[in-house]
N, C-alpha and C. Protein backbone atom coordinates (compact mmCIF):
# COMPACT_ATOMS: atom_id res chain seq x y z
N MET A 1 0.85 -1.41 0.27
CA MET A 1 0.03 -0.02 0.11
C MET A 1 0.87 0.99 -0.02
N ALA A 2 0.86 1.64 -0.97
CA ALA A 2 1.35 3.21 -1.08
C ALA A 2 0.32 4.06 -0.99
N LYS A 3 1.19 5.66 -0.35
CA LYS A 3 0.49 6.66 -0.11
C LYS A 3 0.56 7.27 -1.06
N THR A 4 -0.07 8.03 -1.81
CA THR A 4 -0.21 8.84 -2.99
C THR A 4 -1.08 10.80 -2.39
N ILE A 5 -0.82 11.41 -3.78
CA ILE A 5 -1.61 12.84 -2.74
C ILE A 5 -2.76 13.06 -4.13
N GLU A 6 -3.53 13.59 -3.36
CA GLU A 6 -4.52 13.14 -4.51
C GLU A 6 -5.31 15.02 -4.16
N ILE A 7 -4.91 15.26 -5.45
CA ILE A 7 -5.40 16.95 -5.56
C ILE A 7 -6.72 16.88 -6.33
N GLU A 8 -8.01 17.19 -5.89
CA GLU A 8 -9.38 17.17 -6.74
C GLU A 8 -9.99 18.71 -6.61
N ARG A 9 -10.78 19.05 -7.46
CA ARG A 9 -11.38 20.43 -7.21
C ARG A 9 -13.06 19.49 -7.61
N LYS A 10 -13.78 20.12 -6.98
CA LYS A 10 -15.31 19.42 -7.09
C LYS A 10 -16.13 20.55 -7.50
N PHE A 11 -17.11 20.51 -8.13
CA PHE A 11 -18.12 21.42 -8.55
C PHE A 11 -19.69 20.92 -9.00
N ILE A 12 -20.79 21.34 -8.33
CA ILE A 12 -21.95 21.21 -8.73
C ILE A 12 -22.20 21.29 -10.49
N VAL A 13 -22.75 20.03 -10.74
CA VAL A 13 -23.01 19.80 -12.34
C VAL A 13 -24.66 20.95 -12.50
N ASP A 14 -23.69 21.94 -13.44
CA ASP A 14 -25.34 23.21 -13.71
C ASP A 14 -25.60 22.50 -15.48
N GLY A 15 -25.74 22.11 -15.85
CA GLY A 15 -26.15 21.78 -17.41
C GLY A 15 -26.24 20.31 -17.70
N ASP A 16 -25.73 20.64 -19.10
CA ASP A 16 -25.84 19.06 -19.61
C ASP A 16 -24.59 18.49 -20.20
N TYR A 17 -24.09 17.40 -19.54
CA TYR A 17 -22.64 16.74 -20.16
C TYR A 17 -23.02 15.38 -20.66
N LYS A 18 -24.22 14.82 -20.58
CA LYS A 18 -24.92 13.82 -21.26
C LYS A 18 -23.92 12.70 -22.43
N ASP A 19 -23.76 14.41 -23.29
CA ASP A 19 -23.53 13.74 -24.65
C ASP A 19 -21.97 13.28 -24.76
N LYS A 20 -20.96 14.05 -23.68
CA LYS A 20 -19.56 13.90 -23.86
C LYS A 20 -19.29 12.46 -23.11
N VAL A 21 -19.97 11.49 -22.40
CA VAL A 21 -19.89 10.85 -21.42
C VAL A 21 -19.06 9.67 -22.46
N ASP A 22 -17.76 9.32 -21.76
CA ASP A 22 -16.79 8.30 -22.64
C ASP A 22 -17.65 6.93 -21.26
N SER A 23 -17.68 6.96 -20.27
CA SER A 23 -18.02 5.92 -20.15
C SER A 23 -18.97 5.71 -19.06
N SER A 24 -19.35 5.36 -17.87
CA SER A 24 -20.42 4.81 -16.88
C SER A 24 -20.00 3.75 -16.23
N TYR A 25 -20.35 3.52 -14.91
CA TYR A 25 -20.26 2.14 -14.29
C TYR A 25 -20.66 2.49 -12.50
N ASP A 26 -21.16 2.00 -12.22
CA ASP A 26 -22.19 2.29 -10.71
C ASP A 26 -21.34 1.93 -9.16
N MET A 27 -21.35 2.57 -8.62
CA MET A 27 -20.71 2.51 -7.21
C MET A 27 -21.31 2.09 -5.92
N ILE A 28 -20.92 1.34 -4.68
CA ILE A 28 -21.68 1.86 -3.85
C ILE A 28 -20.50 1.58 -2.76
N GLN A 29 -20.18 2.32 -1.83
CA GLN A 29 -19.38 2.49 -0.71
C GLN A 29 -19.81 3.17 0.21
N GLY A 30 -19.17 2.90 1.62
CA GLY A 30 -19.54 3.05 2.73
C GLY A 30 -18.50 3.42 3.50
N TYR A 31 -18.66 4.13 4.94
CA TYR A 31 -17.28 4.65 5.39
C TYR A 31 -17.75 3.73 6.98
N LEU A 32 -16.45 2.96 7.26
CA LEU A 32 -16.46 2.36 8.71
C LEU A 32 -15.42 3.51 10.11
N PHE A 33 -14.67 4.59 8.97
CA PHE A 33 -14.70 5.14 10.38
C PHE A 33 -14.66 6.72 9.34
N ASN A 34 -15.34 7.93 10.41
CA ASN A 34 -14.97 9.15 9.61
C ASN A 34 -14.99 10.43 10.29
N ASN A 35 -14.04 11.18 10.29
CA ASN A 35 -14.05 12.38 11.52
C ASN A 35 -13.75 13.14 10.59
N SER A 36 -12.69 14.63 11.41
CA SER A 36 -11.83 15.60 10.47
C SER A 36 -11.14 15.12 9.68
N GLU A 37 -10.24 14.35 10.89
CA GLU A 37 -8.97 14.03 10.47
C GLU A 37 -8.51 12.67 9.44
N VAL A 38 -8.92 11.49 9.57
CA VAL A 38 -9.33 10.37 8.93
C VAL A 38 -10.63 10.21 8.38
N SER A 39 -10.04 9.54 6.88
CA SER A 39 -12.02 9.18 6.55
C SER A 39 -11.54 7.21 6.19
N ILE A 40 -12.24 6.14 6.40
CA ILE A 40 -11.84 4.78 6.20
C ILE A 40 -13.07 4.37 5.46
N ARG A 41 -12.93 3.97 4.21
CA ARG A 41 -14.04 3.72 2.95
C ARG A 41 -13.62 2.19 2.73
N ILE A 42 -14.85 1.99 2.49
CA ILE A 42 -15.04 0.72 1.79
C ILE A 42 -15.95 0.99 0.31
N ARG A 43 -15.52 0.55 -0.87
CA ARG A 43 -16.03 0.39 -1.70
C ARG A 43 -16.25 -0.77 -2.95
N ILE A 44 -17.14 -0.37 -3.42
CA ILE A 44 -17.55 -1.64 -4.82
C ILE A 44 -17.22 -0.75 -5.82
N CYS A 45 -17.12 -1.13 -6.72
CA CYS A 45 -17.33 -0.94 -8.51
C CYS A 45 -16.71 -1.59 -9.33
N GLY A 46 -18.15 -2.40 -9.88
CA GLY A 46 -18.23 -3.02 -10.84
C GLY A 46 -17.52 -4.56 -9.45
N ASP A 47 -16.97 -5.27 -10.74
CA ASP A 47 -16.17 -6.43 -9.99
C ASP A 47 -14.58 -6.21 -8.92
N GLU A 48 -14.67 -4.53 -9.03
CA GLU A 48 -13.62 -4.67 -8.13
C GLU A 48 -13.99 -4.27 -6.63
N ALA A 49 -13.04 -4.41 -5.75
CA ALA A 49 -13.35 -3.46 -4.33
C ALA A 49 -12.18 -3.08 -3.96
N ASN A 50 -12.33 -2.15 -2.65
CA ASN A 50 -11.08 -1.67 -2.08
C ASN A 50 -11.50 -0.65 -0.81
N ILE A 51 -10.55 -0.91 -0.30
CA ILE A 51 -10.60 0.45 1.30
C ILE A 51 -9.63 1.35 1.22
N ASN A 52 -9.79 2.51 1.52
CA ASN A 52 -9.84 3.82 0.88
C ASN A 52 -9.67 4.44 2.53
N ILE A 53 -8.19 5.25 2.88
CA ILE A 53 -8.11 6.09 3.56
C ILE A 53 -7.70 7.34 3.34
N LYS A 54 -8.23 8.17 3.67
CA LYS A 54 -8.06 9.77 3.11
C LYS A 54 -7.71 10.60 4.48
N LYS A 55 -7.03 11.65 4.04
CA LYS A 55 -6.44 12.48 5.16
C LYS A 55 -6.26 13.65 4.93
N PRO A 56 -6.75 14.84 5.34
CA PRO A 56 -6.31 16.23 4.41
C PRO A 56 -5.33 16.47 4.85
N ILE A 57 -4.89 17.42 4.36
CA ILE A 57 -2.81 18.09 4.69
C ILE A 57 -3.84 19.52 5.16
N ASN A 58 -3.31 19.84 6.04
CA ASN A 58 -3.36 21.43 6.58
C ASN A 58 -4.45 21.93 6.20
N GLY A 59 -5.72 20.92 6.47
CA GLY A 59 -7.03 20.65 6.99
C GLY A 59 -7.21 20.80 5.76
N SER A 60 -6.84 20.86 4.36
CA SER A 60 -7.53 21.28 2.92
C SER A 60 -8.51 20.24 2.65
N LEU A 61 -10.00 20.07 2.40
CA LEU A 61 -10.08 19.20 1.81
C LEU A 61 -9.94 18.94 0.25
N ILE A 62 -9.35 19.99 -0.48
CA ILE A 62 -8.35 19.94 -1.79
C ILE A 62 -7.36 19.00 -2.26
N GLU A 63 -6.06 19.24 -1.14
CA GLU A 63 -5.14 18.18 -0.89
C GLU A 63 -5.24 17.31 0.22
N ARG A 64 -4.84 15.68 -0.20
CA ARG A 64 -5.64 15.16 0.54
C ARG A 64 -3.99 13.58 0.37
N GLU A 65 -3.91 13.32 1.38
CA GLU A 65 -2.88 11.82 1.33
C GLU A 65 -3.74 11.10 1.38
N GLU A 66 -3.77 9.57 0.66
CA GLU A 66 -4.56 8.56 0.06
C GLU A 66 -3.72 7.35 0.49
N TRP A 67 -4.33 6.14 0.81
CA TRP A 67 -3.86 5.03 0.39
C TRP A 67 -5.04 4.19 0.54
N GLU A 68 -4.98 3.15 -0.39
CA GLU A 68 -5.83 2.55 -1.49
C GLU A 68 -5.26 0.85 -1.22
N ILE A 69 -6.24 -0.27 -1.16
CA ILE A 69 -5.72 -1.18 -0.65
C ILE A 69 -6.87 -2.47 -1.50
N ASN A 70 -6.40 -2.74 -2.05
CA ASN A 70 -7.57 -3.32 -3.14
C ASN A 70 -7.87 -5.06 -2.21
N ILE A 71 -9.45 -5.52 -2.71
CA ILE A 71 -9.31 -6.64 -1.29
C ILE A 71 -10.63 -7.02 -2.35
N ASP A 72 -10.67 -8.47 -1.52
CA ASP A 72 -11.70 -9.17 -2.22
C ASP A 72 -13.51 -8.80 -2.08
N ILE A 73 -13.92 -8.79 -3.28
CA ILE A 73 -15.54 -8.62 -3.47
C ILE A 73 -16.35 -9.10 -2.35
N ASP A 74 -16.21 -10.53 -1.72
CA ASP A 74 -16.91 -10.71 -0.99
C ASP A 74 -16.56 -10.28 0.36
N ASP A 75 -15.17 -9.84 0.94
CA ASP A 75 -14.36 -8.85 1.85
C ASP A 75 -15.21 -7.98 1.74
N ALA A 76 -15.72 -6.84 0.51
CA ALA A 76 -16.06 -5.97 1.00
C ALA A 76 -17.40 -5.72 1.13
N LYS A 77 -18.14 -6.78 0.36
CA LYS A 77 -19.48 -6.76 0.67
C LYS A 77 -20.10 -7.82 2.32
N SER A 78 -19.29 -7.17 3.22
CA SER A 78 -18.89 -8.07 4.49
C SER A 78 -18.70 -6.65 5.18
N LEU A 79 -17.84 -6.32 4.71
CA LEU A 79 -17.51 -4.68 5.24
C LEU A 79 -18.35 -3.58 5.12
N LEU A 80 -18.92 -4.01 4.10
CA LEU A 80 -20.35 -3.04 4.01
C LEU A 80 -21.62 -3.05 4.75
N SER A 81 -21.67 -4.37 4.89
CA SER A 81 -22.32 -4.68 5.80
C SER A 81 -22.78 -4.06 7.44
N ALA A 82 -21.30 -4.28 7.54
CA ALA A 82 -21.17 -3.26 8.54
C ALA A 82 -21.38 -2.22 8.81
N CYS A 83 -21.61 -0.96 8.00
CA CYS A 83 -21.89 0.09 8.03
C CYS A 83 -23.12 0.04 7.90
N ASN A 84 -24.17 1.28 8.55
CA ASN A 84 -25.35 1.51 8.37
C ASN A 84 -26.00 1.72 7.09
N LYS A 85 -27.32 0.94 7.09
CA LYS A 85 -27.71 0.78 5.58
C LYS A 85 -28.36 2.51 5.09
N ASN A 86 -28.34 3.02 5.98
CA ASN A 86 -28.60 4.84 5.77
C ASN A 86 -27.40 5.48 4.95
N GLU A 87 -25.70 4.99 5.82
CA GLU A 87 -24.91 5.17 5.00
C GLU A 87 -24.23 5.37 3.92
N LEU A 88 -24.56 4.04 3.57
CA LEU A 88 -24.12 3.53 1.89
C LEU A 88 -24.31 4.38 1.16
N VAL A 89 -23.34 4.93 0.29
CA VAL A 89 -23.34 6.24 -0.74
C VAL A 89 -23.45 5.42 -1.76
N GLU A 90 -24.59 5.37 -3.15
CA GLU A 90 -24.82 5.05 -3.91
C GLU A 90 -24.68 6.16 -5.50
N LYS A 91 -24.15 5.36 -6.07
CA LYS A 91 -23.90 6.11 -7.57
C LYS A 91 -23.55 5.82 -8.72
N THR A 92 -23.98 6.50 -10.01
CA THR A 92 -23.19 6.21 -11.44
C THR A 92 -22.73 7.11 -11.56
N ARG A 93 -20.94 6.70 -11.47
CA ARG A 93 -19.47 7.92 -12.37
C ARG A 93 -19.84 7.77 -13.78
N HIS A 94 -19.54 8.75 -13.87
CA HIS A 94 -19.23 9.08 -15.74
C HIS A 94 -18.26 9.88 -16.02
N THR A 95 -17.64 9.23 -16.36
CA THR A 95 -16.25 9.65 -16.79
C THR A 95 -16.15 10.68 -18.63
N VAL A 96 -15.53 11.77 -17.90
CA VAL A 96 -15.92 12.73 -19.42
C VAL A 96 -14.16 13.46 -19.85
N LYS A 97 -13.81 13.03 -20.95
CA LYS A 97 -12.19 13.47 -21.33
C LYS A 97 -12.48 14.84 -21.76
N ILE A 98 -11.86 16.00 -20.85
CA ILE A 98 -11.77 17.10 -21.43
C ILE A 98 -10.08 18.10 -21.28
N GLN A 99 -9.81 18.16 -22.80
CA GLN A 99 -8.52 18.51 -22.99
C GLN A 99 -7.51 16.86 -22.91
N ASP A 100 -6.40 17.22 -21.50
CA ASP A 100 -5.51 16.07 -21.25
C ASP A 100 -6.49 15.65 -19.52
N LEU A 101 -7.53 15.80 -19.25
CA LEU A 101 -7.86 15.97 -18.08
C LEU A 101 -9.17 14.96 -18.37
N ILE A 102 -9.74 13.95 -17.09
CA ILE A 102 -10.34 13.37 -16.85
C ILE A 102 -11.45 13.70 -15.80
N VAL A 103 -12.62 14.25 -16.13
CA VAL A 103 -13.62 14.51 -15.46
C VAL A 103 -14.74 12.96 -15.08
N GLU A 104 -14.54 13.67 -13.81
CA GLU A 104 -15.52 12.14 -12.87
C GLU A 104 -17.20 13.00 -12.88
N VAL A 105 -17.93 12.62 -13.10
CA VAL A 105 -19.37 13.10 -12.40
C VAL A 105 -20.16 12.43 -11.75
N ASP A 106 -20.60 12.18 -10.90
CA ASP A 106 -21.66 11.32 -9.69
C ASP A 106 -22.58 11.72 -10.25
N GLU A 107 -23.38 11.19 -10.57
CA GLU A 107 -24.63 11.29 -10.16
C GLU A 107 -25.22 10.14 -9.41
N PHE A 108 -25.39 11.44 -7.95
CA PHE A 108 -25.87 10.17 -7.00
C PHE A 108 -27.56 9.29 -6.80
N LYS A 109 -27.72 8.13 -6.30
CA LYS A 109 -29.00 8.03 -5.76
C LYS A 109 -29.52 7.47 -4.65
N GLY A 110 -30.38 7.10 -4.67
CA GLY A 110 -30.86 7.01 -2.99
C GLY A 110 -31.54 8.00 -2.14
N LEU A 111 -30.73 7.81 -1.13
CA LEU A 111 -30.82 9.46 -0.32
C LEU A 111 -29.95 10.89 -0.40
N ASN A 112 -29.51 10.37 -1.75
CA ASN A 112 -28.41 11.76 -2.58
C ASN A 112 -28.93 11.78 -3.66
N LYS A 113 -30.10 11.41 -3.96
CA LYS A 113 -30.47 11.71 -4.78
C LYS A 113 -31.02 12.74 -5.50
N GLY A 114 -30.67 13.57 -7.00
CA GLY A 114 -30.62 14.54 -7.30
C GLY A 114 -29.57 15.53 -7.10
N LEU A 115 -28.42 15.28 -6.40
CA LEU A 115 -26.92 15.80 -6.22
C LEU A 115 -26.07 15.05 -7.73
N VAL A 116 -25.75 15.67 -8.31
CA VAL A 116 -24.62 15.51 -9.57
C VAL A 116 -23.68 16.66 -9.22
N LEU A 117 -21.87 15.56 -8.71
CA LEU A 117 -21.19 16.69 -8.77
C LEU A 117 -19.75 16.11 -9.51
N ALA A 118 -19.23 16.73 -10.32
CA ALA A 118 -18.20 16.94 -10.94
C ALA A 118 -16.51 16.91 -10.37
N GLU A 119 -15.59 15.86 -10.59
CA GLU A 119 -14.76 16.28 -9.73
C GLU A 119 -13.06 15.78 -10.72
N ILE A 120 -12.17 16.99 -10.52
CA ILE A 120 -11.29 16.67 -11.63
C ILE A 120 -9.83 16.14 -10.66
N GLU A 121 -8.94 15.59 -10.76
CA GLU A 121 -7.84 15.42 -10.09
C GLU A 121 -7.14 16.17 -11.30
N LEU A 122 -6.11 16.85 -10.21
CA LEU A 122 -5.31 17.84 -10.36
C LEU A 122 -3.90 17.40 -10.51
N SER A 123 -2.53 17.73 -11.00
CA SER A 123 -1.32 17.39 -10.74
C SER A 123 -0.64 18.31 -9.56
N ASP A 124 -1.60 19.71 -9.28
CA ASP A 124 -0.97 20.79 -8.41
C ASP A 124 -2.91 21.37 -7.96
N LYS A 125 -2.34 21.75 -6.36
CA LYS A 125 -3.31 22.99 -6.15
C LYS A 125 -3.79 23.94 -6.92
N ASP A 126 -2.89 24.58 -7.81
CA ASP A 126 -3.26 25.88 -8.21
C ASP A 126 -3.32 25.14 -10.01
N ALA A 127 -3.33 24.29 -10.06
CA ALA A 127 -3.29 24.57 -11.81
C ALA A 127 -4.85 24.94 -12.26
N PRO A 128 -4.35 25.55 -13.64
CA PRO A 128 -6.14 26.13 -13.85
C PRO A 128 -7.19 24.80 -13.93
N ILE A 129 -7.81 25.37 -14.04
CA ILE A 129 -9.41 24.81 -14.24
C ILE A 129 -9.90 25.22 -15.72
N PRO A 130 -10.24 24.22 -16.62
CA PRO A 130 -10.51 24.53 -18.04
C PRO A 130 -12.27 24.94 -18.10
N ASP A 131 -12.32 25.79 -18.88
CA ASP A 131 -13.33 26.62 -18.48
C ASP A 131 -14.64 25.59 -19.14
N ILE A 132 -15.67 25.02 -17.74
CA ILE A 132 -16.51 23.74 -18.71
C ILE A 132 -17.63 24.20 -18.62
N SER A 133 -18.32 24.68 -19.31
CA SER A 133 -20.12 25.44 -19.44
C SER A 133 -20.75 24.81 -18.10
N TRP A 134 -20.61 23.59 -18.29
CA TRP A 134 -21.72 23.11 -17.29
C TRP A 134 -21.20 22.66 -15.57
N PHE A 135 -19.94 23.60 -15.41
CA PHE A 135 -19.65 23.37 -14.16
C PHE A 135 -20.16 24.63 -13.69
N GLY A 136 -20.73 24.26 -12.52
CA GLY A 136 -21.32 25.47 -11.80
C GLY A 136 -20.53 25.16 -10.57
N ARG A 137 -21.09 26.07 -9.29
CA ARG A 137 -20.29 26.65 -8.12
C ARG A 137 -19.32 25.52 -7.69
N GLU A 138 -18.46 25.98 -7.53
CA GLU A 138 -17.27 25.14 -7.00
C GLU A 138 -17.63 25.26 -5.84
N VAL A 139 -17.57 23.63 -5.28
CA VAL A 139 -18.15 23.31 -3.57
C VAL A 139 -16.55 22.30 -3.14
N SER A 140 -15.40 22.68 -4.14
CA SER A 140 -14.04 21.63 -3.34
C SER A 140 -13.82 21.81 -1.79
N GLU A 141 -14.49 23.26 -0.90
CA GLU A 141 -13.68 22.96 0.16
C GLU A 141 -15.24 22.84 1.18
N ASP A 142 -16.53 22.72 0.41
CA ASP A 142 -17.35 22.89 1.38
C ASP A 142 -17.68 21.26 1.82
N ILE A 143 -17.29 20.67 2.89
CA ILE A 143 -17.10 19.51 3.39
C ILE A 143 -18.50 19.10 3.42
N ARG A 144 -19.92 20.01 3.15
CA ARG A 144 -20.81 18.83 3.00
C ARG A 144 -21.07 17.75 1.62
N TYR A 145 -20.19 18.18 0.61
CA TYR A 145 -20.21 18.18 -0.70
C TYR A 145 -19.40 16.33 -0.83
N THR A 146 -18.63 16.17 0.55
CA THR A 146 -17.90 15.01 0.54
C THR A 146 -18.68 13.57 0.88
N ASN A 147 -17.88 12.79 -0.02
CA ASN A 147 -19.04 11.25 0.11
C ASN A 147 -19.39 11.20 1.81
N ALA A 148 -18.76 11.35 2.43
CA ALA A 148 -18.24 11.10 3.89
C ALA A 148 -19.28 11.55 4.51
N TYR A 149 -19.32 12.84 4.25
CA TYR A 149 -20.61 13.72 5.14
C TYR A 149 -21.90 13.22 4.41
N LEU A 150 -22.23 13.19 3.30
CA LEU A 150 -23.06 12.34 2.81
C LEU A 150 -23.52 10.94 2.89
N SER A 151 -22.52 10.33 3.28
CA SER A 151 -22.91 9.37 3.88
C SER A 151 -23.70 9.20 5.52
N GLU A 152 -23.72 10.34 6.07
CA GLU A 152 -23.90 10.57 7.53
C GLU A 152 -25.55 11.64 7.29
N HIS A 153 -25.48 11.99 6.01
CA HIS A 153 -26.07 13.67 6.12
C HIS A 153 -26.57 13.59 4.36
N PRO A 154 -27.45 12.23 4.29
CA PRO A 154 -27.90 12.15 2.92
C PRO A 154 -28.13 14.08 2.05
N PHE A 155 -28.43 14.20 0.94
CA PHE A 155 -28.34 15.39 0.37
C PHE A 155 -30.24 15.50 0.75
N SER A 156 -31.13 14.46 0.54
CA SER A 156 -32.46 14.53 0.76
C SER A 156 -32.91 14.85 2.12
N THR A 157 -31.92 15.04 2.89
CA THR A 157 -32.11 15.91 4.22
C THR A 157 -31.96 17.27 4.37
N TRP A 158 -31.33 17.93 3.73
CA TRP A 158 -30.66 18.94 3.78
C TRP A 158 -32.11 20.13 3.77
């Protein structure tokens, strides 16, 4: 398990992106632990599963240390069952290639239905963001739009 640095900017989707989608897949994830210092997530995506640990760098939600371990899908299902069912986050992730970047658009389901977020991973926290017509307000530093927060406070309850 190697540590990586994730630099991610997040935007509310405000427009039509669907004609630009390259691929789509369903995901389900739950949190075994979450606080302001660290989150531990279990995710199943297709026939792959992993445990992910994220830790903010200097309190930033844009720049985080990340560790990810691939695990057996049956083990992931067992661990997900340890999470409260209301805390599972279900979504369809769409990928869109724009210039040399991959934009991941998460269309949430279940208790978070109605929320659609776009994420871009960057090599530098100050890298310019391409002008994308369907990007709405940036919510990168708004904790309410993290998956960990959504698992505890679903969008439908706001």
